[in-house]
Amino acid sequence: MHGGRMDIKIKIKEVLANLLKVKIEEFKDDTTLLNSIGVDSTEMVESVIALEKSFGVKLSPKEITKNSTISEIANIIQTKLVK
């Protein structure tokens, strides 16, 4: 692996930090969107859309939930990018 997943995690953190107006330092790999950041349902939808645009992949709200960690989101996006 050539560090691709790490780049994905960094980009996810950047996208979410910008969208949710949270400092990027608050995002750890095991940060969940709900417990750590406290996203509401509107922000959750906006987060999924922002990630789709950033990575050019289609994500379903069932795949990424408020309980997803940054690592889990990175894994989902990674598998879609490989296709």
PDB file of N, CA and C in Angstrom:
ATOM      1  N   MET A   1       0.845  -1.184   0.000  1.00  0.00           N
ATOM      2  CA  MET A   1       0.000   0.000   0.000  1.00  0.00           C
ATOM      3  C   MET A   1       0.887   1.243   0.000  1.00  0.00           C
ATOM      4  N   HIS A   2       0.588   2.178  -0.831  1.00  0.00           N
ATOM      5  CA  HIS A   2       1.443   3.347  -0.996  1.00  0.00           C
ATOM      6  C   HIS A   2       0.935   4.568  -0.235  1.00  0.00           C
ATOM      7  N   GLY A   3       0.319   4.343   0.918  1.00  0.00           N
ATOM      8  CA  GLY A   3      -0.154   5.465   1.709  1.00  0.00           C
ATOM      9  C   GLY A   3      -1.447   6.079   1.206  1.00  0.00           C
ATOM     10  N   GLY A   4      -2.105   5.407   0.288  1.00  0.00           N
ATOM     11  CA  GLY A   4      -3.343   5.934  -0.280  1.00  0.00           C
ATOM     12  C   GLY A   4      -4.416   6.140   0.758  1.00  0.00           C
ATOM     13  N   ARG A   5      -4.544   5.193   1.679  1.00  0.00           N
ATOM     14  CA  ARG A   5      -5.583   5.326   2.700  1.00  0.00           C
ATOM     15  C   ARG A   5      -5.315   6.505   3.620  1.00  0.00           C
ATOM     16  N   MET A   6      -4.053   6.758   3.899  1.00  0.00           N
ATOM     17  CA  MET A   6      -3.732   7.886   4.765  1.00  0.00           C
ATOM     18  C   MET A   6      -4.131   9.189   4.081  1.00  0.00           C
ATOM     19  N   ASP A   7      -3.856   9.292   2.777  1.00  0.00           N
ATOM     20  CA  ASP A   7      -4.253  10.486   2.032  1.00  0.00           C
ATOM     21  C   ASP A   7      -5.771  10.656   2.050  1.00  0.00           C
ATOM     22  N   ILE A   8      -6.483   9.556   1.914  1.00  0.00           N
ATOM     23  CA  ILE A   8      -7.948   9.595   1.937  1.00  0.00           C
ATOM     24  C   ILE A   8      -8.426  10.101   3.289  1.00  0.00           C
ATOM     25  N   LYS A   9      -7.844   9.590   4.357  1.00  0.00           N
ATOM     26  CA  LYS A   9      -8.251  10.032   5.701  1.00  0.00           C
ATOM     27  C   LYS A   9      -8.011  11.526   5.879  1.00  0.00           C
ATOM     28  N   ILE A  10      -6.865  12.001   5.410  1.00  0.00           N
ATOM     29  CA  ILE A  10      -6.548  13.430   5.534  1.00  0.00           C
ATOM     30  C   ILE A  10      -7.575  14.255   4.762  1.00  0.00           C
ATOM     31  N   LYS A  11      -7.895  13.808   3.551  1.00  0.00           N
ATOM     32  CA  LYS A  11      -8.859  14.545   2.731  1.00  0.00           C
ATOM     33  C   LYS A  11     -10.251  14.521   3.376  1.00  0.00           C
ATOM     34  N   ILE A  12     -10.647  13.381   3.928  1.00  0.00           N
ATOM     35  CA  ILE A  12     -11.937  13.285   4.623  1.00  0.00           C
ATOM     36  C   ILE A  12     -11.971  14.292   5.765  1.00  0.00           C
ATOM     37  N   LYS A  13     -10.908  14.326   6.547  1.00  0.00           N
ATOM     38  CA  LYS A  13     -10.850  15.246   7.690  1.00  0.00           C
ATOM     39  C   LYS A  13     -10.928  16.697   7.222  1.00  0.00           C
ATOM     40  N   GLU A  14     -10.245  17.004   6.121  1.00  0.00           N
ATOM     41  CA  GLU A  14     -10.283  18.376   5.586  1.00  0.00           C
ATOM     42  C   GLU A  14     -11.692  18.751   5.138  1.00  0.00           C
ATOM     43  N   VAL A  15     -12.324  17.842   4.394  1.00  0.00           N
ATOM     44  CA  VAL A  15     -13.669  18.098   3.875  1.00  0.00           C
ATOM     45  C   VAL A  15     -14.645  18.311   5.036  1.00  0.00           C
ATOM     46  N   LEU A  16     -14.596  17.413   6.021  1.00  0.00           N
ATOM     47  CA  LEU A  16     -15.532  17.502   7.141  1.00  0.00           C
ATOM     48  C   LEU A  16     -15.234  18.698   8.038  1.00  0.00           C
ATOM     49  N   ALA A  17     -13.969  19.004   8.237  1.00  0.00           N
ATOM     50  CA  ALA A  17     -13.601  20.158   9.070  1.00  0.00           C
ATOM     51  C   ALA A  17     -14.128  21.444   8.449  1.00  0.00           C
ATOM     52  N   ASN A  18     -13.960  21.577   7.129  1.00  0.00           N
ATOM     53  CA  ASN A  18     -14.463  22.767   6.426  1.00  0.00           C
ATOM     54  C   ASN A  18     -15.982  22.857   6.500  1.00  0.00           C
ATOM     55  N   LEU A  19     -16.630  21.741   6.230  1.00  0.00           N
ATOM     56  CA  LEU A  19     -18.088  21.715   6.186  1.00  0.00           C
ATOM     57  C   LEU A  19     -18.695  21.983   7.561  1.00  0.00           C
ATOM     58  N   LEU A  20     -18.156  21.322   8.565  1.00  0.00           N
ATOM     59  CA  LEU A  20     -18.760  21.377   9.900  1.00  0.00           C
ATOM     60  C   LEU A  20     -18.166  22.480  10.777  1.00  0.00           C
ATOM     61  N   LYS A  21     -17.230  23.241  10.212  1.00  0.00           N
ATOM     62  CA  LYS A  21     -16.586  24.341  10.948  1.00  0.00           C
ATOM     63  C   LYS A  21     -15.944  23.841  12.246  1.00  0.00           C
ATOM     64  N   VAL A  22     -15.201  22.740  12.092  1.00  0.00           N
ATOM     65  CA  VAL A  22     -14.511  22.132  13.222  1.00  0.00           C
ATOM     66  C   VAL A  22     -13.021  22.132  12.901  1.00  0.00           C
ATOM     67  N   LYS A  23     -12.195  22.282  13.889  1.00  0.00           N
ATOM     68  CA  LYS A  23     -10.751  22.232  13.651  1.00  0.00           C
ATOM     69  C   LYS A  23     -10.370  20.827  13.214  1.00  0.00           C
ATOM     70  N   ILE A  24      -9.487  20.746  12.219  1.00  0.00           N
ATOM     71  CA  ILE A  24      -9.083  19.440  11.689  1.00  0.00           C
ATOM     72  C   ILE A  24      -8.435  18.584  12.776  1.00  0.00           C
ATOM     73  N   GLU A  25      -7.814  19.225  13.760  1.00  0.00           N
ATOM     74  CA  GLU A  25      -7.163  18.479  14.847  1.00  0.00           C
ATOM     75  C   GLU A  25      -8.164  17.680  15.676  1.00  0.00           C
ATOM     76  N   GLU A  26      -9.424  18.056  15.618  1.00  0.00           N
ATOM     77  CA  GLU A  26     -10.443  17.343  16.393  1.00  0.00           C
ATOM     78  C   GLU A  26     -10.782  15.990  15.791  1.00  0.00           C
ATOM     79  N   PHE A  27     -10.390  15.789  14.543  1.00  0.00           N
ATOM     80  CA  PHE A  27     -10.674  14.518  13.875  1.00  0.00           C
ATOM     81  C   PHE A  27      -9.517  13.554  14.070  1.00  0.00           C
ATOM     82  N   LYS A  28      -9.797  12.438  14.707  1.00  0.00           N
ATOM     83  CA  LYS A  28      -8.840  11.343  14.807  1.00  0.00           C
ATOM     84  C   LYS A  28      -9.385  10.212  13.932  1.00  0.00           C
ATOM     85  N   ASP A  29      -8.569   9.195  13.682  1.00  0.00           N
ATOM     86  CA  ASP A  29      -9.028   8.100  12.825  1.00  0.00           C
ATOM     87  C   ASP A  29     -10.230   7.371  13.416  1.00  0.00           C
ATOM     88  N   ASP A  30     -10.317   7.374  14.760  1.00  0.00           N
ATOM     89  CA  ASP A  30     -11.442   6.675  15.394  1.00  0.00           C
ATOM     90  C   ASP A  30     -12.564   7.637  15.819  1.00  0.00           C
ATOM     91  N   THR A  31     -12.488   8.879  15.345  1.00  0.00           N
ATOM     92  CA  THR A  31     -13.549   9.858  15.599  1.00  0.00           C
ATOM     93  C   THR A  31     -14.820   9.408  14.898  1.00  0.00           C
ATOM     94  N   THR A  32     -15.938   9.394  15.635  1.00  0.00           N
ATOM     95  CA  THR A  32     -17.223   9.136  14.976  1.00  0.00           C
ATOM     96  C   THR A  32     -17.911  10.473  14.758  1.00  0.00           C
ATOM     97  N   LEU A  33     -18.692  10.529  13.701  1.00  0.00           N
ATOM     98  CA  LEU A  33     -19.347  11.782  13.352  1.00  0.00           C
ATOM     99  C   LEU A  33     -20.349  12.221  14.417  1.00  0.00           C
ATOM    100  N   LEU A  34     -21.006  11.258  15.043  1.00  0.00           N
ATOM    101  CA  LEU A  34     -22.029  11.616  16.023  1.00  0.00           C
ATOM    102  C   LEU A  34     -21.419  11.952  17.382  1.00  0.00           C
ATOM    103  N   ASN A  35     -20.701  11.010  17.960  1.00  0.00           N
ATOM    104  CA  ASN A  35     -20.232  11.187  19.330  1.00  0.00           C
ATOM    105  C   ASN A  35     -19.149  12.238  19.451  1.00  0.00           C
ATOM    106  N   SER A  36     -18.247  12.256  18.502  1.00  0.00           N
ATOM    107  CA  SER A  36     -17.112  13.168  18.623  1.00  0.00           C
ATOM    108  C   SER A  36     -17.423  14.561  18.102  1.00  0.00           C
ATOM    109  N   ILE A  37     -18.170  14.636  17.019  1.00  0.00           N
ATOM    110  CA  ILE A  37     -18.409  15.919  16.378  1.00  0.00           C
ATOM    111  C   ILE A  37     -19.839  16.401  16.637  1.00  0.00           C
ATOM    112  N   GLY A  38     -20.746  15.467  16.878  1.00  0.00           N
ATOM    113  CA  GLY A  38     -22.124  15.837  17.175  1.00  0.00           C
ATOM    114  C   GLY A  38     -22.910  16.328  15.979  1.00  0.00           C
ATOM    115  N   VAL A  39     -22.738  15.672  14.825  1.00  0.00           N
ATOM    116  CA  VAL A  39     -23.466  16.112  13.629  1.00  0.00           C
ATOM    117  C   VAL A  39     -24.957  15.819  13.773  1.00  0.00           C
ATOM    118  N   ASP A  40     -25.769  16.699  13.189  1.00  0.00           N
ATOM    119  CA  ASP A  40     -27.203  16.424  13.132  1.00  0.00           C
ATOM    120  C   ASP A  40     -27.515  15.815  11.762  1.00  0.00           C
ATOM    121  N   SER A  41     -28.778  15.492  11.539  1.00  0.00           N
ATOM    122  CA  SER A  41     -29.115  14.777  10.307  1.00  0.00           C
ATOM    123  C   SER A  41     -28.860  15.627   9.057  1.00  0.00           C
ATOM    124  N   THR A  42     -29.082  16.923   9.135  1.00  0.00           N
ATOM    125  CA  THR A  42     -28.814  17.786   7.982  1.00  0.00           C
ATOM    126  C   THR A  42     -27.327  17.810   7.671  1.00  0.00           C
ATOM    127  N   GLU A  43     -26.512  17.958   8.702  1.00  0.00           N
ATOM    128  CA  GLU A  43     -25.062  17.961   8.508  1.00  0.00           C
ATOM    129  C   GLU A  43     -24.571  16.612   7.984  1.00  0.00           C
ATOM    130  N   MET A  44     -25.239  15.548   8.406  1.00  0.00           N
ATOM    131  CA  MET A  44     -24.864  14.212   7.942  1.00  0.00           C
ATOM    132  C   MET A  44     -25.071  14.111   6.436  1.00  0.00           C
ATOM    133  N   VAL A  45     -26.220  14.571   5.959  1.00  0.00           N
ATOM    134  CA  VAL A  45     -26.513  14.552   4.517  1.00  0.00           C
ATOM    135  C   VAL A  45     -25.492  15.420   3.777  1.00  0.00           C
ATOM    136  N   GLU A  46     -25.224  16.611   4.311  1.00  0.00           N
ATOM    137  CA  GLU A  46     -24.249  17.505   3.684  1.00  0.00           C
ATOM    138  C   GLU A  46     -22.858  16.873   3.664  1.00  0.00           C
ATOM    139  N   SER A  47     -22.521  16.154   4.712  1.00  0.00           N
ATOM    140  CA  SER A  47     -21.210  15.494   4.787  1.00  0.00           C
ATOM    141  C   SER A  47     -21.072  14.438   3.701  1.00  0.00           C
ATOM    142  N   VAL A  48     -22.122  13.619   3.532  1.00  0.00           N
ATOM    143  CA  VAL A  48     -22.098  12.567   2.509  1.00  0.00           C
ATOM    144  C   VAL A  48     -21.955  13.201   1.123  1.00  0.00           C
ATOM    145  N   ILE A  49     -22.712  14.271   0.860  1.00  0.00           N
ATOM    146  CA  ILE A  49     -22.646  14.942  -0.441  1.00  0.00           C
ATOM    147  C   ILE A  49     -21.260  15.539  -0.674  1.00  0.00           C
ATOM    148  N   ALA A  50     -20.712  16.178   0.355  1.00  0.00           N
ATOM    149  CA  ALA A  50     -19.384  16.790   0.233  1.00  0.00           C
ATOM    150  C   ALA A  50     -18.320  15.730  -0.040  1.00  0.00           C
ATOM    151  N   LEU A  51     -18.427  14.586   0.622  1.00  0.00           N
ATOM    152  CA  LEU A  51     -17.458  13.502   0.391  1.00  0.00           C
ATOM    153  C   LEU A  51     -17.614  12.932  -1.009  1.00  0.00           C
ATOM    154  N   GLU A  52     -18.861  12.794  -1.468  1.00  0.00           N
ATOM    155  CA  GLU A  52     -19.095  12.306  -2.833  1.00  0.00           C
ATOM    156  C   GLU A  52     -18.428  13.219  -3.847  1.00  0.00           C
ATOM    157  N   LYS A  53     -18.621  14.522  -3.681  1.00  0.00           N
ATOM    158  CA  LYS A  53     -18.040  15.495  -4.616  1.00  0.00           C
ATOM    159  C   LYS A  53     -16.518  15.470  -4.549  1.00  0.00           C
ATOM    160  N   SER A  54     -15.984  15.383  -3.349  1.00  0.00           N
ATOM    161  CA  SER A  54     -14.533  15.430  -3.179  1.00  0.00           C
ATOM    162  C   SER A  54     -13.832  14.222  -3.793  1.00  0.00           C
ATOM    163  N   PHE A  55     -14.463  13.060  -3.666  1.00  0.00           N
ATOM    164  CA  PHE A  55     -13.814  11.836  -4.127  1.00  0.00           C
ATOM    165  C   PHE A  55     -14.370  11.316  -5.447  1.00  0.00           C
ATOM    166  N   GLY A  56     -15.487  11.887  -5.908  1.00  0.00           N
ATOM    167  CA  GLY A  56     -16.080  11.433  -7.163  1.00  0.00           C
ATOM    168  C   GLY A  56     -16.647  10.030  -7.085  1.00  0.00           C
ATOM    169  N   VAL A  57     -17.191   9.684  -5.912  1.00  0.00           N
ATOM    170  CA  VAL A  57     -17.806   8.367  -5.730  1.00  0.00           C
ATOM    171  C   VAL A  57     -19.237   8.559  -5.243  1.00  0.00           C
ATOM    172  N   LYS A  58     -20.053   7.526  -5.417  1.00  0.00           N
ATOM    173  CA  LYS A  58     -21.432   7.564  -4.947  1.00  0.00           C
ATOM    174  C   LYS A  58     -21.478   6.876  -3.585  1.00  0.00           C
ATOM    175  N   LEU A  59     -21.992   7.580  -2.605  1.00  0.00           N
ATOM    176  CA  LEU A  59     -22.097   7.027  -1.257  1.00  0.00           C
ATOM    177  C   LEU A  59     -23.561   7.018  -0.845  1.00  0.00           C
ATOM    178  N   SER A  60     -23.942   5.973  -0.141  1.00  0.00           N
ATOM    179  CA  SER A  60     -25.317   5.946   0.341  1.00  0.00           C
ATOM    180  C   SER A  60     -25.315   6.281   1.829  1.00  0.00           C
ATOM    181  N   PRO A  61     -26.375   6.930   2.275  1.00  0.00           N
ATOM    182  CA  PRO A  61     -26.462   7.263   3.701  1.00  0.00           C
ATOM    183  C   PRO A  61     -26.420   6.020   4.589  1.00  0.00           C
ATOM    184  N   LYS A  62     -26.761   4.866   4.037  1.00  0.00           N
ATOM    185  CA  LYS A  62     -26.681   3.632   4.829  1.00  0.00           C
ATOM    186  C   LYS A  62     -25.225   3.222   5.056  1.00  0.00           C
ATOM    187  N   GLU A  63     -24.355   3.553   4.097  1.00  0.00           N
ATOM    188  CA  GLU A  63     -22.938   3.189   4.225  1.00  0.00           C
ATOM    189  C   GLU A  63     -22.222   4.049   5.253  1.00  0.00           C
ATOM    190  N   ILE A  64     -22.550   5.328   5.243  1.00  0.00           N
ATOM    191  CA  ILE A  64     -21.903   6.250   6.169  1.00  0.00           C
ATOM    192  C   ILE A  64     -22.971   6.773   7.115  1.00  0.00           C
ATOM    193  N   THR A  65     -22.822   6.428   8.373  1.00  0.00           N
ATOM    194  CA  THR A  65     -23.801   6.840   9.378  1.00  0.00           C
ATOM    195  C   THR A  65     -23.123   7.739  10.399  1.00  0.00           C
ATOM    196  N   LYS A  66     -23.903   8.230  11.297  1.00  0.00           N
ATOM    197  CA  LYS A  66     -23.376   9.097  12.345  1.00  0.00           C
ATOM    198  C   LYS A  66     -22.374   8.358  13.229  1.00  0.00           C
ATOM    199  N   ASN A  67     -22.464   7.036  13.233  1.00  0.00           N
ATOM    200  CA  ASN A  67     -21.551   6.243  14.065  1.00  0.00           C
ATOM    201  C   ASN A  67     -20.300   5.792  13.320  1.00  0.00           C
ATOM    202  N   SER A  68     -20.196   6.130  12.048  1.00  0.00           N
ATOM    203  CA  SER A  68     -19.004   5.762  11.281  1.00  0.00           C
ATOM    204  C   SER A  68     -17.788   6.524  11.796  1.00  0.00           C
ATOM    205  N   THR A  69     -16.655   5.819  11.828  1.00  0.00           N
ATOM    206  CA  THR A  69     -15.408   6.494  12.183  1.00  0.00           C
ATOM    207  C   THR A  69     -14.734   6.985  10.903  1.00  0.00           C
ATOM    208  N   ILE A  70     -13.767   7.861  11.060  1.00  0.00           N
ATOM    209  CA  ILE A  70     -13.006   8.354   9.909  1.00  0.00           C
ATOM    210  C   ILE A  70     -12.362   7.166   9.187  1.00  0.00           C
ATOM    211  N   SER A  71     -11.835   6.211   9.945  1.00  0.00           N
ATOM    212  CA  SER A  71     -11.208   5.024   9.328  1.00  0.00           C
ATOM    213  C   SER A  71     -12.215   4.219   8.514  1.00  0.00           C
ATOM    214  N   GLU A  72     -13.419   4.042   9.055  1.00  0.00           N
ATOM    215  CA  GLU A  72     -14.449   3.277   8.332  1.00  0.00           C
ATOM    216  C   GLU A  72     -14.860   3.996   7.046  1.00  0.00           C
ATOM    217  N   ILE A  73     -15.013   5.305   7.141  1.00  0.00           N
ATOM    218  CA  ILE A  73     -15.376   6.086   5.948  1.00  0.00           C
ATOM    219  C   ILE A  73     -14.268   5.969   4.898  1.00  0.00           C
ATOM    220  N   ALA A  74     -13.014   6.035   5.348  1.00  0.00           N
ATOM    221  CA  ALA A  74     -11.883   5.902   4.422  1.00  0.00           C
ATOM    222  C   ALA A  74     -11.902   4.547   3.731  1.00  0.00           C
ATOM    223  N   ASN A  75     -12.214   3.491   4.482  1.00  0.00           N
ATOM    224  CA  ASN A  75     -12.280   2.139   3.891  1.00  0.00           C
ATOM    225  C   ASN A  75     -13.364   2.062   2.825  1.00  0.00           C
ATOM    226  N   ILE A  76     -14.521   2.640   3.110  1.00  0.00           N
ATOM    227  CA  ILE A  76     -15.639   2.620   2.153  1.00  0.00           C
ATOM    228  C   ILE A  76     -15.238   3.362   0.880  1.00  0.00           C
ATOM    229  N   ILE A  77     -14.669   4.542   1.034  1.00  0.00           N
ATOM    230  CA  ILE A  77     -14.270   5.339  -0.128  1.00  0.00           C
ATOM    231  C   ILE A  77     -13.150   4.638  -0.895  1.00  0.00           C
ATOM    232  N   GLN A  78     -12.196   4.060  -0.170  1.00  0.00           N
ATOM    233  CA  GLN A  78     -11.085   3.347  -0.808  1.00  0.00           C
ATOM    234  C   GLN A  78     -11.603   2.242  -1.729  1.00  0.00           C
ATOM    235  N   THR A  79     -12.560   1.449  -1.243  1.00  0.00           N
ATOM    236  CA  THR A  79     -13.067   0.343  -2.061  1.00  0.00           C
ATOM    237  C   THR A  79     -13.801   0.856  -3.289  1.00  0.00           C
ATOM    238  N   LYS A  80     -14.451   2.005  -3.186  1.00  0.00           N
ATOM    239  CA  LYS A  80     -15.162   2.567  -4.339  1.00  0.00           C
ATOM    240  C   LYS A  80     -14.190   3.169  -5.356  1.00  0.00           C
ATOM    241  N   LEU A  81     -13.070   3.694  -4.878  1.00  0.00           N
ATOM    242  CA  LEU A  81     -12.088   4.278  -5.770  1.00  0.00           C
ATOM    243  C   LEU A  81     -11.362   3.209  -6.584  1.00  0.00           C
ATOM    244  N   VAL A  82     -11.263   2.011  -6.026  1.00  0.00           N
ATOM    245  CA  VAL A  82     -10.541   0.926  -6.695  1.00  0.00           C
ATOM    246  C   VAL A  82     -11.312   0.433  -7.904  1.00  0.00           C
ATOM    247  N   LYS A  83     -12.648   0.488  -7.833  1.00  0.00           N
ATOM    248  CA  LYS A  83     -13.494  -0.047  -8.916  1.00  0.00           C
ATOM    249  C   LYS A  83     -13.299   0.706 -10.205  1.00  0.00           C
TER     250      LYS A  83
END
